[in-house]
Amino acid sequence: MNRAIGPLREHDRTSRPPLLPTLQAYLAHAGRKAETARELHLNRQTLYNRLARIGELLGTDLDDPQTVLALSLALRARRHTT
């Protein structure tokens, strides 16, 4: 779990805006950016910028199904261990 989302958790401890809630909403909406932006009260460009930053921090492509699955599982495991 820490390997998958550890860099994001570290970012959120030291920087703003926190990005973990953005990732959680994005995955909850199955990658639908318009719905994610609406839930987070962001304009789409801000959401795109945050998603790009998440991808950079994690070294992943958020459009890759394997990546989405791994991150979803890591977030689910995190919920059950905290």
C-alpha atoms as a PDB file:
ATOM      1  CA  MET A   1       0.000   0.000   0.000  1.00  0.00           C
ATOM      2  CA  ASN A   2       2.681   2.495   0.993  1.00  0.00           C
ATOM      3  CA  ARG A   3       4.569   1.841  -2.220  1.00  0.00           C
ATOM      4  CA  ALA A   4       1.508   2.668  -4.301  1.00  0.00           C
ATOM      5  CA  ILE A   5       0.356   5.845  -2.543  1.00  0.00           C
ATOM      6  CA  GLY A   6       3.223   6.676  -0.186  1.00  0.00           C
ATOM      7  CA  PRO A   7       4.558   9.614  -2.227  1.00  0.00           C
ATOM      8  CA  LEU A   8       1.069  11.089  -2.330  1.00  0.00           C
ATOM      9  CA  ARG A   9       0.641  10.748   1.425  1.00  0.00           C
ATOM     10  CA  GLU A  10       4.029  12.416   1.941  1.00  0.00           C
ATOM     11  CA  HIS A  11       3.022  15.275  -0.363  1.00  0.00           C
ATOM     12  CA  ASP A  12      -0.193  15.812   1.566  1.00  0.00           C
ATOM     13  CA  ARG A  13       1.709  16.012   4.857  1.00  0.00           C
ATOM     14  CA  THR A  14       3.873  18.870   3.620  1.00  0.00           C
ATOM     15  CA  SER A  15       2.082  20.597   0.724  1.00  0.00           C
ATOM     16  CA  ARG A  16      -1.228  22.063  -0.311  1.00  0.00           C
ATOM     17  CA  PRO A  17      -3.658  21.355  -1.789  1.00  0.00           C
ATOM     18  CA  PRO A  18      -3.901  17.787  -0.523  1.00  0.00           C
ATOM     19  CA  LEU A  19      -4.073  15.436  -3.485  1.00  0.00           C
ATOM     20  CA  LEU A  20      -5.252  12.198  -1.890  1.00  0.00           C
ATOM     21  CA  PRO A  21      -8.902  13.369  -1.787  1.00  0.00           C
ATOM     22  CA  THR A  22      -8.630  14.244  -5.482  1.00  0.00           C
ATOM     23  CA  LEU A  23      -7.396  10.749  -6.304  1.00  0.00           C
ATOM     24  CA  GLN A  24     -10.104   9.165  -4.164  1.00  0.00           C
ATOM     25  CA  ALA A  25     -12.850  11.147  -5.899  1.00  0.00           C
ATOM     26  CA  TYR A  26     -11.378  10.440  -9.342  1.00  0.00           C
ATOM     27  CA  LEU A  27     -11.333   6.706  -8.690  1.00  0.00           C
ATOM     28  CA  ALA A  28     -14.801   6.783  -7.097  1.00  0.00           C
ATOM     29  CA  HIS A  29     -16.116   8.337 -10.306  1.00  0.00           C
ATOM     30  CA  ALA A  30     -14.325   5.718 -12.430  1.00  0.00           C
ATOM     31  CA  GLY A  31     -12.099   8.319 -14.049  1.00  0.00           C
ATOM     32  CA  ARG A  32     -14.936  10.580 -15.149  1.00  0.00           C
ATOM     33  CA  LYS A  33     -13.275  13.950 -14.892  1.00  0.00           C
ATOM     34  CA  ALA A  34     -16.353  16.163 -15.222  1.00  0.00           C
ATOM     35  CA  GLU A  35     -18.081  14.372 -12.347  1.00  0.00           C
ATOM     36  CA  THR A  36     -14.924  14.438 -10.246  1.00  0.00           C
ATOM     37  CA  ALA A  37     -14.461  18.172 -10.807  1.00  0.00           C
ATOM     38  CA  ARG A  38     -18.087  18.806  -9.897  1.00  0.00           C
ATOM     39  CA  GLU A  39     -17.831  16.828  -6.652  1.00  0.00           C
ATOM     40  CA  LEU A  40     -14.658  18.648  -5.638  1.00  0.00           C
ATOM     41  CA  HIS A  41     -16.012  22.064  -6.713  1.00  0.00           C
ATOM     42  CA  LEU A  42     -13.097  22.560  -9.119  1.00  0.00           C
ATOM     43  CA  ASN A  43     -12.954  23.741 -12.675  1.00  0.00           C
ATOM     44  CA  ARG A  44     -11.779  21.010 -15.007  1.00  0.00           C
ATOM     45  CA  GLN A  45      -8.390  22.564 -15.716  1.00  0.00           C
ATOM     46  CA  THR A  46      -7.599  22.612 -11.996  1.00  0.00           C
ATOM     47  CA  LEU A  47      -8.583  18.957 -11.796  1.00  0.00           C
ATOM     48  CA  TYR A  48      -6.396  18.121 -14.814  1.00  0.00           C
ATOM     49  CA  ASN A  49      -3.468  19.906 -13.159  1.00  0.00           C
ATOM     50  CA  ARG A  50      -3.975  17.973  -9.925  1.00  0.00           C
ATOM     51  CA  LEU A  51      -4.251  14.657 -11.768  1.00  0.00           C
ATOM     52  CA  ALA A  52      -1.059  15.429 -13.670  1.00  0.00           C
ATOM     53  CA  ARG A  53       0.706  16.190 -10.386  1.00  0.00           C
ATOM     54  CA  ILE A  54      -0.592  12.947  -8.871  1.00  0.00           C
ATOM     55  CA  GLY A  55       0.744  11.045 -11.873  1.00  0.00           C
ATOM     56  CA  GLU A  56       4.134  12.748 -11.497  1.00  0.00           C
ATOM     57  CA  LEU A  57       4.363  12.050  -7.777  1.00  0.00           C
ATOM     58  CA  LEU A  58       3.400   8.408  -8.184  1.00  0.00           C
ATOM     59  CA  GLY A  59       5.272   7.869 -11.448  1.00  0.00           C
ATOM     60  CA  THR A  60       2.131   6.418 -12.982  1.00  0.00           C
ATOM     61  CA  ASP A  61      -0.355   6.929 -15.778  1.00  0.00           C
ATOM     62  CA  LEU A  62      -3.827   7.413 -14.334  1.00  0.00           C
ATOM     63  CA  ASP A  63      -5.341   6.359 -17.668  1.00  0.00           C
ATOM     64  CA  ASP A  64      -3.795   2.885 -17.373  1.00  0.00           C
ATOM     65  CA  PRO A  65      -6.329   0.295 -16.108  1.00  0.00           C
ATOM     66  CA  GLN A  66      -3.669  -1.640 -14.169  1.00  0.00           C
ATOM     67  CA  THR A  67      -2.599   1.539 -12.406  1.00  0.00           C
ATOM     68  CA  VAL A  68      -6.191   2.424 -11.555  1.00  0.00           C
ATOM     69  CA  LEU A  69      -6.744  -1.059 -10.124  1.00  0.00           C
ATOM     70  CA  ALA A  70      -3.552  -0.938  -8.046  1.00  0.00           C
ATOM     71  CA  LEU A  71      -4.380   2.505  -6.665  1.00  0.00           C
ATOM     72  CA  SER A  72      -7.965   1.517  -5.911  1.00  0.00           C
ATOM     73  CA  LEU A  73      -6.761  -1.520  -3.985  1.00  0.00           C
ATOM     74  CA  ALA A  74      -4.166   0.533  -2.105  1.00  0.00           C
ATOM     75  CA  LEU A  75      -6.782   3.088  -1.077  1.00  0.00           C
ATOM     76  CA  ARG A  76      -9.180   0.356  -0.017  1.00  0.00           C
ATOM     77  CA  ALA A  77      -6.450  -1.309   2.062  1.00  0.00           C
ATOM     78  CA  ARG A  78      -5.615   2.062   3.620  1.00  0.00           C
ATOM     79  CA  ARG A  79      -9.237   2.548   4.687  1.00  0.00           C
ATOM     80  CA  HIS A  80      -9.229  -0.842   6.396  1.00  0.00           C
ATOM     81  CA  THR A  81      -5.947  -0.280   8.244  1.00  0.00           C
ATOM     82  CA  THR A  82      -6.462   3.272   9.529  1.00  0.00           C
END
